[in-house]
Amino acid sequence: MAQVAHATSAVLHETRELPATQMYLSDLQNMRKVVLQTPDRTSIERLSALLASASPTIPHHLWIEQPENVPTCLAFAPNTRENRVKKALDKTSCRLWKG
């Protein structure tokens, strides 16, 4: 849970000037979150690379836990579930988390 808090805090800070982030933060009672799982380290790193190379870039933050230097969490900036986000998730085998 700590890594999730770090990643979401970071992405909200990094995108604080974007209208979608400002709108999201203006309605604290209706924030929506979804937790997805990836099969392995390679898939979360690939997802981050796909998002970073999209045109335009899809805002996100990949949290790298230290001192282990292991990616543990990826947080998207607030978005409208664009089709290109769904495609990136599908390409990296991300699925709804079923704990």
PDB file of N, CA and C in Angstrom:
ATOM      1  N   MET A   1       0.821  -1.193   0.000  1.00  0.00           N
ATOM      2  CA  MET A   1       0.000   0.000   0.000  1.00  0.00           C
ATOM      3  C   MET A   1       0.866   1.259   0.000  1.00  0.00           C
ATOM      4  N   ALA A   2       2.022   1.179   0.622  1.00  0.00           N
ATOM      5  CA  ALA A   2       2.901   2.349   0.653  1.00  0.00           C
ATOM      6  C   ALA A   2       3.338   2.743  -0.755  1.00  0.00           C
ATOM      7  N   GLN A   3       3.660   1.738  -1.583  1.00  0.00           N
ATOM      8  CA  GLN A   3       4.091   2.050  -2.943  1.00  0.00           C
ATOM      9  C   GLN A   3       2.968   2.697  -3.752  1.00  0.00           C
ATOM     10  N   VAL A   4       1.734   2.255  -3.538  1.00  0.00           N
ATOM     11  CA  VAL A   4       0.580   2.859  -4.206  1.00  0.00           C
ATOM     12  C   VAL A   4       0.460   4.326  -3.803  1.00  0.00           C
ATOM     13  N   ALA A   5       0.614   4.595  -2.510  1.00  0.00           N
ATOM     14  CA  ALA A   5       0.530   5.981  -2.035  1.00  0.00           C
ATOM     15  C   ALA A   5       1.638   6.830  -2.651  1.00  0.00           C
ATOM     16  N   HIS A   6       2.834   6.293  -2.723  1.00  0.00           N
ATOM     17  CA  HIS A   6       3.943   7.032  -3.332  1.00  0.00           C
ATOM     18  C   HIS A   6       3.669   7.319  -4.807  1.00  0.00           C
ATOM     19  N   ALA A   7       3.256   6.300  -5.558  1.00  0.00           N
ATOM     20  CA  ALA A   7       3.034   6.465  -6.996  1.00  0.00           C
ATOM     21  C   ALA A   7       1.893   7.436  -7.289  1.00  0.00           C
ATOM     22  N   THR A   8       0.794   7.327  -6.545  1.00  0.00           N
ATOM     23  CA  THR A   8      -0.334   8.235  -6.810  1.00  0.00           C
ATOM     24  C   THR A   8      -0.008   9.665  -6.405  1.00  0.00           C
ATOM     25  N   SER A   9       0.686   9.833  -5.286  1.00  0.00           N
ATOM     26  CA  SER A   9       1.101  11.189  -4.889  1.00  0.00           C
ATOM     27  C   SER A   9       2.005  11.792  -5.956  1.00  0.00           C
ATOM     28  N   ALA A  10       2.933  10.995  -6.460  1.00  0.00           N
ATOM     29  CA  ALA A  10       3.873  11.483  -7.464  1.00  0.00           C
ATOM     30  C   ALA A  10       3.164  11.881  -8.754  1.00  0.00           C
ATOM     31  N   VAL A  11       2.266  11.023  -9.251  1.00  0.00           N
ATOM     32  CA  VAL A  11       1.612  11.337 -10.528  1.00  0.00           C
ATOM     33  C   VAL A  11       0.675  12.539 -10.383  1.00  0.00           C
ATOM     34  N   LEU A  12       0.022  12.678  -9.252  1.00  0.00           N
ATOM     35  CA  LEU A  12      -0.832  13.852  -9.054  1.00  0.00           C
ATOM     36  C   LEU A  12       0.001  15.125  -8.976  1.00  0.00           C
ATOM     37  N   HIS A  13       1.144  15.046  -8.324  1.00  0.00           N
ATOM     38  CA  HIS A  13       2.029  16.214  -8.259  1.00  0.00           C
ATOM     39  C   HIS A  13       2.577  16.559  -9.646  1.00  0.00           C
ATOM     40  N   GLU A  14       3.024  15.535 -10.375  1.00  0.00           N
ATOM     41  CA  GLU A  14       3.612  15.759 -11.691  1.00  0.00           C
ATOM     42  C   GLU A  14       2.611  16.310 -12.705  1.00  0.00           C
ATOM     43  N   THR A  15       1.334  16.004 -12.530  1.00  0.00           N
ATOM     44  CA  THR A  15       0.312  16.433 -13.503  1.00  0.00           C
ATOM     45  C   THR A  15      -0.645  17.473 -12.919  1.00  0.00           C
ATOM     46  N   ARG A  16      -0.250  18.119 -11.844  1.00  0.00           N
ATOM     47  CA  ARG A  16      -1.131  19.055 -11.138  1.00  0.00           C
ATOM     48  C   ARG A  16      -1.646  20.201 -12.000  1.00  0.00           C
ATOM     49  N   GLU A  17      -0.967  20.522 -13.095  1.00  0.00           N
ATOM     50  CA  GLU A  17      -1.388  21.614 -13.978  1.00  0.00           C
ATOM     51  C   GLU A  17      -2.358  21.159 -15.070  1.00  0.00           C
ATOM     52  N   LEU A  18      -2.520  19.849 -15.250  1.00  0.00           N
ATOM     53  CA  LEU A  18      -3.409  19.343 -16.295  1.00  0.00           C
ATOM     54  C   LEU A  18      -4.872  19.499 -15.882  1.00  0.00           C
ATOM     55  N   PRO A  19      -5.734  19.923 -16.802  1.00  0.00           N
ATOM     56  CA  PRO A  19      -7.153  20.089 -16.475  1.00  0.00           C
ATOM     57  C   PRO A  19      -7.803  18.813 -15.916  1.00  0.00           C
ATOM     58  N   ALA A  20      -7.452  17.653 -16.448  1.00  0.00           N
ATOM     59  CA  ALA A  20      -8.061  16.404 -15.957  1.00  0.00           C
ATOM     60  C   ALA A  20      -7.693  16.151 -14.495  1.00  0.00           C
ATOM     61  N   THR A  21      -6.472  16.454 -14.111  1.00  0.00           N
ATOM     62  CA  THR A  21      -6.050  16.280 -12.715  1.00  0.00           C
ATOM     63  C   THR A  21      -6.753  17.291 -11.830  1.00  0.00           C
ATOM     64  N   GLN A  22      -6.849  18.527 -12.279  1.00  0.00           N
ATOM     65  CA  GLN A  22      -7.526  19.558 -11.491  1.00  0.00           C
ATOM     66  C   GLN A  22      -8.996  19.216 -11.279  1.00  0.00           C
ATOM     67  N   MET A  23      -9.649  18.710 -12.319  1.00  0.00           N
ATOM     68  CA  MET A  23     -11.051  18.324 -12.191  1.00  0.00           C
ATOM     69  C   MET A  23     -11.190  17.148 -11.211  1.00  0.00           C
ATOM     70  N   TYR A  24     -10.321  16.178 -11.342  1.00  0.00           N
ATOM     71  CA  TYR A  24     -10.343  14.999 -10.463  1.00  0.00           C
ATOM     72  C   TYR A  24     -10.200  15.411  -9.000  1.00  0.00           C
ATOM     73  N   LEU A  25      -9.280  16.318  -8.730  1.00  0.00           N
ATOM     74  CA  LEU A  25      -9.022  16.747  -7.357  1.00  0.00           C
ATOM     75  C   LEU A  25     -10.077  17.707  -6.813  1.00  0.00           C
ATOM     76  N   SER A  26     -10.902  18.249  -7.698  1.00  0.00           N
ATOM     77  CA  SER A  26     -11.927  19.192  -7.248  1.00  0.00           C
ATOM     78  C   SER A  26     -13.167  18.495  -6.688  1.00  0.00           C
ATOM     79  N   ASP A  27     -13.253  17.187  -6.847  1.00  0.00           N
ATOM     80  CA  ASP A  27     -14.430  16.438  -6.392  1.00  0.00           C
ATOM     81  C   ASP A  27     -13.987  15.223  -5.571  1.00  0.00           C
ATOM     82  N   LEU A  28     -13.497  15.474  -4.376  1.00  0.00           N
ATOM     83  CA  LEU A  28     -12.909  14.427  -3.535  1.00  0.00           C
ATOM     84  C   LEU A  28     -13.885  13.316  -3.168  1.00  0.00           C
ATOM     85  N   GLN A  29     -15.170  13.597  -3.189  1.00  0.00           N
ATOM     86  CA  GLN A  29     -16.157  12.583  -2.822  1.00  0.00           C
ATOM     87  C   GLN A  29     -16.428  11.574  -3.940  1.00  0.00           C
ATOM     88  N   ASN A  30     -15.972  11.872  -5.141  1.00  0.00           N
ATOM     89  CA  ASN A  30     -16.275  10.996  -6.276  1.00  0.00           C
ATOM     90  C   ASN A  30     -15.026  10.543  -7.037  1.00  0.00           C
ATOM     91  N   MET A  31     -13.950  10.364  -6.314  1.00  0.00           N
ATOM     92  CA  MET A  31     -12.717   9.877  -6.950  1.00  0.00           C
ATOM     93  C   MET A  31     -12.893   8.397  -7.286  1.00  0.00           C
ATOM     94  N   ARG A  32     -12.488   8.028  -8.483  1.00  0.00           N
ATOM     95  CA  ARG A  32     -12.601   6.638  -8.918  1.00  0.00           C
ATOM     96  C   ARG A  32     -11.208   6.050  -9.085  1.00  0.00           C
ATOM     97  N   LYS A  33     -11.033   4.851  -8.587  1.00  0.00           N
ATOM     98  CA  LYS A  33      -9.766   4.145  -8.716  1.00  0.00           C
ATOM     99  C   LYS A  33     -10.016   2.711  -9.117  1.00  0.00           C
ATOM    100  N   VAL A  34      -9.082   2.166  -9.862  1.00  0.00           N
ATOM    101  CA  VAL A  34      -9.140   0.770 -10.285  1.00  0.00           C
ATOM    102  C   VAL A  34      -7.759   0.184 -10.027  1.00  0.00           C
ATOM    103  N   VAL A  35      -7.720  -1.023  -9.494  1.00  0.00           N
ATOM    104  CA  VAL A  35      -6.446  -1.703  -9.261  1.00  0.00           C
ATOM    105  C   VAL A  35      -6.322  -2.842 -10.258  1.00  0.00           C
ATOM    106  N   LEU A  36      -5.226  -2.817 -10.988  1.00  0.00           N
ATOM    107  CA  LEU A  36      -4.938  -3.855 -11.968  1.00  0.00           C
ATOM    108  C   LEU A  36      -3.685  -4.604 -11.531  1.00  0.00           C
ATOM    109  N   GLN A  37      -3.553  -5.804 -12.012  1.00  0.00           N
ATOM    110  CA  GLN A  37      -2.335  -6.555 -11.728  1.00  0.00           C
ATOM    111  C   GLN A  37      -1.627  -6.901 -13.020  1.00  0.00           C
ATOM    112  N   THR A  38      -0.320  -6.988 -12.947  1.00  0.00           N
ATOM    113  CA  THR A  38       0.489  -7.421 -14.078  1.00  0.00           C
ATOM    114  C   THR A  38       1.133  -8.741 -13.696  1.00  0.00           C
ATOM    115  N   PRO A  39       1.435  -9.574 -14.685  1.00  0.00           N
ATOM    116  CA  PRO A  39       1.966 -10.895 -14.359  1.00  0.00           C
ATOM    117  C   PRO A  39       3.392 -10.893 -13.802  1.00  0.00           C
ATOM    118  N   ASP A  40       4.183  -9.867 -14.135  1.00  0.00           N
ATOM    119  CA  ASP A  40       5.575  -9.887 -13.696  1.00  0.00           C
ATOM    120  C   ASP A  40       6.218  -8.517 -13.871  1.00  0.00           C
ATOM    121  N   ARG A  41       7.464  -8.430 -13.447  1.00  0.00           N
ATOM    122  CA  ARG A  41       8.213  -7.170 -13.523  1.00  0.00           C
ATOM    123  C   ARG A  41       8.340  -6.675 -14.964  1.00  0.00           C
ATOM    124  N   THR A  42       8.601  -7.582 -15.871  1.00  0.00           N
ATOM    125  CA  THR A  42       8.771  -7.204 -17.269  1.00  0.00           C
ATOM    126  C   THR A  42       7.529  -6.512 -17.814  1.00  0.00           C
ATOM    127  N   SER A  43       6.357  -6.994 -17.448  1.00  0.00           N
ATOM    128  CA  SER A  43       5.119  -6.412 -17.985  1.00  0.00           C
ATOM    129  C   SER A  43       4.880  -4.997 -17.463  1.00  0.00           C
ATOM    130  N   ILE A  44       5.201  -4.717 -16.205  1.00  0.00           N
ATOM    131  CA  ILE A  44       4.989  -3.350 -15.691  1.00  0.00           C
ATOM    132  C   ILE A  44       6.010  -2.396 -16.313  1.00  0.00           C
ATOM    133  N   GLU A  45       7.225  -2.879 -16.543  1.00  0.00           N
ATOM    134  CA  GLU A  45       8.230  -2.043 -17.208  1.00  0.00           C
ATOM    135  C   GLU A  45       7.837  -1.797 -18.665  1.00  0.00           C
ATOM    136  N   ARG A  46       7.311  -2.804 -19.326  1.00  0.00           N
ATOM    137  CA  ARG A  46       6.860  -2.651 -20.721  1.00  0.00           C
ATOM    138  C   ARG A  46       5.680  -1.678 -20.801  1.00  0.00           C
ATOM    139  N   LEU A  47       4.755  -1.785 -19.844  1.00  0.00           N
ATOM    140  CA  LEU A  47       3.619  -0.870 -19.815  1.00  0.00           C
ATOM    141  C   LEU A  47       4.100   0.573 -19.689  1.00  0.00           C
ATOM    142  N   SER A  48       5.020   0.825 -18.783  1.00  0.00           N
ATOM    143  CA  SER A  48       5.547   2.179 -18.623  1.00  0.00           C
ATOM    144  C   SER A  48       6.202   2.673 -19.908  1.00  0.00           C
ATOM    145  N   ALA A  49       6.953   1.802 -20.571  1.00  0.00           N
ATOM    146  CA  ALA A  49       7.603   2.186 -21.827  1.00  0.00           C
ATOM    147  C   ALA A  49       6.572   2.497 -22.914  1.00  0.00           C
ATOM    148  N   LEU A  50       5.511   1.690 -23.004  1.00  0.00           N
ATOM    149  CA  LEU A  50       4.453   1.951 -23.997  1.00  0.00           C
ATOM    150  C   LEU A  50       3.770   3.287 -23.733  1.00  0.00           C
ATOM    151  N   LEU A  51       3.485   3.572 -22.480  1.00  0.00           N
ATOM    152  CA  LEU A  51       2.822   4.826 -22.122  1.00  0.00           C
ATOM    153  C   LEU A  51       3.720   6.021 -22.420  1.00  0.00           C
ATOM    154  N   ALA A  52       5.005   5.871 -22.142  1.00  0.00           N
ATOM    155  CA  ALA A  52       5.958   6.962 -22.366  1.00  0.00           C
ATOM    156  C   ALA A  52       6.189   7.220 -23.851  1.00  0.00           C
ATOM    157  N   SER A  53       6.078   6.172 -24.671  1.00  0.00           N
ATOM    158  CA  SER A  53       6.347   6.333 -26.101  1.00  0.00           C
ATOM    159  C   SER A  53       5.097   6.674 -26.912  1.00  0.00           C
ATOM    160  N   ALA A  54       3.935   6.674 -26.266  1.00  0.00           N
ATOM    161  CA  ALA A  54       2.693   7.034 -26.971  1.00  0.00           C
ATOM    162  C   ALA A  54       2.767   8.489 -27.408  1.00  0.00           C
ATOM    163  N   SER A  55       2.009   8.802 -28.440  1.00  0.00           N
ATOM    164  CA  SER A  55       1.976  10.181 -28.910  1.00  0.00           C
ATOM    165  C   SER A  55       0.540  10.668 -28.921  1.00  0.00           C
ATOM    166  N   PRO A  56       0.171  11.597 -28.046  1.00  0.00           N
ATOM    167  CA  PRO A  56       1.015  12.159 -26.998  1.00  0.00           C
ATOM    168  C   PRO A  56       1.225  11.161 -25.855  1.00  0.00           C
ATOM    169  N   THR A  57       2.236  11.430 -25.053  1.00  0.00           N
ATOM    170  CA  THR A  57       2.566  10.580 -23.918  1.00  0.00           C
ATOM    171  C   THR A  57       1.362  10.441 -22.993  1.00  0.00           C
ATOM    172  N   ILE A  58       1.176   9.252 -22.438  1.00  0.00           N
ATOM    173  CA  ILE A  58       0.098   9.017 -21.474  1.00  0.00           C
ATOM    174  C   ILE A  58       0.694   9.213 -20.085  1.00  0.00           C
ATOM    175  N   PRO A  59       0.260  10.263 -19.370  1.00  0.00           N
ATOM    176  CA  PRO A  59       0.867  10.587 -18.078  1.00  0.00           C
ATOM    177  C   PRO A  59       0.697   9.458 -17.050  1.00  0.00           C
ATOM    178  N   HIS A  60       1.808   9.092 -16.441  1.00  0.00           N
ATOM    179  CA  HIS A  60       1.831   8.041 -15.430  1.00  0.00           C
ATOM    180  C   HIS A  60       3.109   8.182 -14.612  1.00  0.00           C
ATOM    181  N   HIS A  61       3.171   7.439 -13.527  1.00  0.00           N
ATOM    182  CA  HIS A  61       4.402   7.405 -12.726  1.00  0.00           C
ATOM    183  C   HIS A  61       4.683   5.960 -12.348  1.00  0.00           C
ATOM    184  N   LEU A  62       5.854   5.482 -12.710  1.00  0.00           N
ATOM    185  CA  LEU A  62       6.297   4.148 -12.333  1.00  0.00           C
ATOM    186  C   LEU A  62       7.116   4.280 -11.057  1.00  0.00           C
ATOM    187  N   TRP A  63       6.603   3.701  -9.976  1.00  0.00           N
ATOM    188  CA  TRP A  63       7.314   3.769  -8.695  1.00  0.00           C
ATOM    189  C   TRP A  63       8.363   2.669  -8.651  1.00  0.00           C
ATOM    190  N   ILE A  64       9.609   3.073  -8.395  1.00  0.00           N
ATOM    191  CA  ILE A  64      10.727   2.140  -8.278  1.00  0.00           C
ATOM    192  C   ILE A  64      11.128   2.102  -6.802  1.00  0.00           C
ATOM    193  N   GLU A  65      10.893   0.980  -6.164  1.00  0.00           N
ATOM    194  CA  GLU A  65      11.206   0.840  -4.737  1.00  0.00           C
ATOM    195  C   GLU A  65      12.715   0.785  -4.526  1.00  0.00           C
ATOM    196  N   GLN A  66      13.163   1.574  -3.556  1.00  0.00           N
ATOM    197  CA  GLN A  66      14.579   1.637  -3.218  1.00  0.00           C
ATOM    198  C   GLN A  66      14.798   1.107  -1.800  1.00  0.00           C
ATOM    199  N   PRO A  67      15.911   0.488  -1.509  1.00  0.00           N
ATOM    200  CA  PRO A  67      17.131   0.404  -2.309  1.00  0.00           C
ATOM    201  C   PRO A  67      17.146  -0.781  -3.269  1.00  0.00           C
ATOM    202  N   GLU A  68      16.058  -1.536  -3.340  1.00  0.00           N
ATOM    203  CA  GLU A  68      16.023  -2.742  -4.172  1.00  0.00           C
ATOM    204  C   GLU A  68      16.045  -2.452  -5.672  1.00  0.00           C
ATOM    205  N   ASN A  69      15.625  -1.215  -6.043  1.00  0.00           N
ATOM    206  CA  ASN A  69      15.548  -0.806  -7.441  1.00  0.00           C
ATOM    207  C   ASN A  69      14.586  -1.691  -8.238  1.00  0.00           C
ATOM    208  N   VAL A  70      13.415  -1.952  -7.631  1.00  0.00           N
ATOM    209  CA  VAL A  70      12.413  -2.832  -8.228  1.00  0.00           C
ATOM    210  C   VAL A  70      11.139  -2.028  -8.504  1.00  0.00           C
ATOM    211  N   PRO A  71      10.621  -2.063  -9.740  1.00  0.00           N
ATOM    212  CA  PRO A  71       9.342  -1.390 -10.012  1.00  0.00           C
ATOM    213  C   PRO A  71       8.212  -2.149  -9.313  1.00  0.00           C
ATOM    214  N   THR A  72       7.439  -1.424  -8.514  1.00  0.00           N
ATOM    215  CA  THR A  72       6.390  -2.082  -7.729  1.00  0.00           C
ATOM    216  C   THR A  72       4.987  -1.578  -8.023  1.00  0.00           C
ATOM    217  N   CYS A  73       4.867  -0.404  -8.639  1.00  0.00           N
ATOM    218  CA  CYS A  73       3.539   0.184  -8.831  1.00  0.00           C
ATOM    219  C   CYS A  73       3.595   1.206  -9.957  1.00  0.00           C
ATOM    220  N   LEU A  74       2.526   1.257 -10.731  1.00  0.00           N
ATOM    221  CA  LEU A  74       2.394   2.267 -11.771  1.00  0.00           C
ATOM    222  C   LEU A  74       1.056   2.962 -11.559  1.00  0.00           C
ATOM    223  N   ALA A  75       1.089   4.275 -11.486  1.00  0.00           N
ATOM    224  CA  ALA A  75      -0.140   5.056 -11.318  1.00  0.00           C
ATOM    225  C   ALA A  75      -0.351   5.937 -12.543  1.00  0.00           C
ATOM    226  N   PHE A  76      -1.558   5.895 -13.078  1.00  0.00           N
ATOM    227  CA  PHE A  76      -1.937   6.773 -14.181  1.00  0.00           C
ATOM    228  C   PHE A  76      -2.387   8.113 -13.621  1.00  0.00           C
ATOM    229  N   ALA A  77      -2.173   9.162 -14.392  1.00  0.00           N
ATOM    230  CA  ALA A  77      -2.798  10.441 -14.082  1.00  0.00           C
ATOM    231  C   ALA A  77      -4.289  10.279 -14.349  1.00  0.00           C
ATOM    232  N   PRO A  78      -5.124  11.096 -13.721  1.00  0.00           N
ATOM    233  CA  PRO A  78      -6.553  11.026 -14.018  1.00  0.00           C
ATOM    234  C   PRO A  78      -6.779  11.096 -15.534  1.00  0.00           C
ATOM    235  N   ASN A  79      -7.657  10.226 -16.020  1.00  0.00           N
ATOM    236  CA  ASN A  79      -7.914  10.172 -17.457  1.00  0.00           C
ATOM    237  C   ASN A  79      -9.334   9.685 -17.700  1.00  0.00           C
ATOM    238  N   THR A  80      -9.725   9.709 -18.951  1.00  0.00           N
ATOM    239  CA  THR A  80     -11.090   9.326 -19.330  1.00  0.00           C
ATOM    240  C   THR A  80     -11.142   7.925 -19.933  1.00  0.00           C
ATOM    241  N   ARG A  81     -10.212   7.092 -19.534  1.00  0.00           N
ATOM    242  CA  ARG A  81     -10.147   5.701 -20.024  1.00  0.00           C
ATOM    243  C   ARG A  81     -10.113   5.655 -21.551  1.00  0.00           C
ATOM    244  N   GLU A  82      -9.171   6.387 -22.096  1.00  0.00           N
ATOM    245  CA  GLU A  82      -9.017   6.433 -23.547  1.00  0.00           C
ATOM    246  C   GLU A  82      -8.712   5.049 -24.100  1.00  0.00           C
ATOM    247  N   ASN A  83      -9.073   4.825 -25.352  1.00  0.00           N
ATOM    248  CA  ASN A  83      -8.838   3.543 -26.000  1.00  0.00           C
ATOM    249  C   ASN A  83      -7.348   3.194 -26.039  1.00  0.00           C
ATOM    250  N   ARG A  84      -6.482   4.201 -26.194  1.00  0.00           N
ATOM    251  CA  ARG A  84      -5.045   3.919 -26.245  1.00  0.00           C
ATOM    252  C   ARG A  84      -4.508   3.442 -24.905  1.00  0.00           C
ATOM    253  N   VAL A  85      -5.138   3.837 -23.804  1.00  0.00           N
ATOM    254  CA  VAL A  85      -4.761   3.314 -22.485  1.00  0.00           C
ATOM    255  C   VAL A  85      -5.153   1.842 -22.403  1.00  0.00           C
ATOM    256  N   LYS A  86      -6.366   1.541 -22.829  1.00  0.00           N
ATOM    257  CA  LYS A  86      -6.832   0.152 -22.814  1.00  0.00           C
ATOM    258  C   LYS A  86      -5.938  -0.736 -23.675  1.00  0.00           C
ATOM    259  N   LYS A  87      -5.522  -0.248 -24.832  1.00  0.00           N
ATOM    260  CA  LYS A  87      -4.646  -1.027 -25.712  1.00  0.00           C
ATOM    261  C   LYS A  87      -3.308  -1.320 -25.037  1.00  0.00           C
ATOM    262  N   ALA A  88      -2.751  -0.322 -24.359  1.00  0.00           N
ATOM    263  CA  ALA A  88      -1.471  -0.529 -23.657  1.00  0.00           C
ATOM    264  C   ALA A  88      -1.636  -1.563 -22.545  1.00  0.00           C
ATOM    265  N   LEU A  89      -2.751  -1.497 -21.822  1.00  0.00           N
ATOM    266  CA  LEU A  89      -3.005  -2.476 -20.762  1.00  0.00           C
ATOM    267  C   LEU A  89      -3.150  -3.876 -21.346  1.00  0.00           C
ATOM    268  N   ASP A  90      -3.868  -3.987 -22.447  1.00  0.00           N
ATOM    269  CA  ASP A  90      -4.051  -5.292 -23.097  1.00  0.00           C
ATOM    270  C   ASP A  90      -2.724  -5.866 -23.591  1.00  0.00           C
ATOM    271  N   LYS A  91      -1.879  -5.025 -24.166  1.00  0.00           N
ATOM    272  CA  LYS A  91      -0.591  -5.491 -24.701  1.00  0.00           C
ATOM    273  C   LYS A  91       0.334  -6.031 -23.609  1.00  0.00           C
ATOM    274  N   THR A  92       0.118  -5.603 -22.377  1.00  0.00           N
ATOM    275  CA  THR A  92       1.003  -6.020 -21.281  1.00  0.00           C
ATOM    276  C   THR A  92       0.311  -6.982 -20.319  1.00  0.00           C
ATOM    277  N   SER A  93      -0.816  -7.519 -20.735  1.00  0.00           N
ATOM    278  CA  SER A  93      -1.556  -8.533 -19.951  1.00  0.00           C
ATOM    279  C   SER A  93      -1.997  -8.036 -18.571  1.00  0.00           C
ATOM    280  N   CYS A  94      -2.328  -6.761 -18.474  1.00  0.00           N
ATOM    281  CA  CYS A  94      -2.858  -6.231 -17.213  1.00  0.00           C
ATOM    282  C   CYS A  94      -4.318  -6.640 -17.086  1.00  0.00           C
ATOM    283  N   ARG A  95      -4.689  -7.048 -15.913  1.00  0.00           N
ATOM    284  CA  ARG A  95      -6.055  -7.497 -15.655  1.00  0.00           C
ATOM    285  C   ARG A  95      -6.552  -6.908 -14.337  1.00  0.00           C
ATOM    286  N   LEU A  96      -7.856  -6.848 -14.182  1.00  0.00           N
ATOM    287  CA  LEU A  96      -8.454  -6.382 -12.946  1.00  0.00           C
ATOM    288  C   LEU A  96      -7.962  -7.264 -11.803  1.00  0.00           C
ATOM    289  N   TRP A  97      -7.527  -6.635 -10.720  1.00  0.00           N
ATOM    290  CA  TRP A  97      -6.974  -7.379  -9.597  1.00  0.00           C
ATOM    291  C   TRP A  97      -8.083  -8.117  -8.877  1.00  0.00           C
ATOM    292  N   LYS A  98      -7.864  -9.367  -8.632  1.00  0.00           N
ATOM    293  CA  LYS A  98      -8.835 -10.193  -7.898  1.00  0.00           C
ATOM    294  C   LYS A  98      -8.118 -10.799  -6.716  1.00  0.00           C
ATOM    295  N   GLY A  99      -8.056 -10.019  -5.633  1.00  0.00           N
ATOM    296  CA  GLY A  99      -7.294 -10.376  -4.439  1.00  0.00           C
ATOM    297  C   GLY A  99      -7.768 -11.514  -3.723  1.00  0.00           C
TER     298      GLY A  99
END
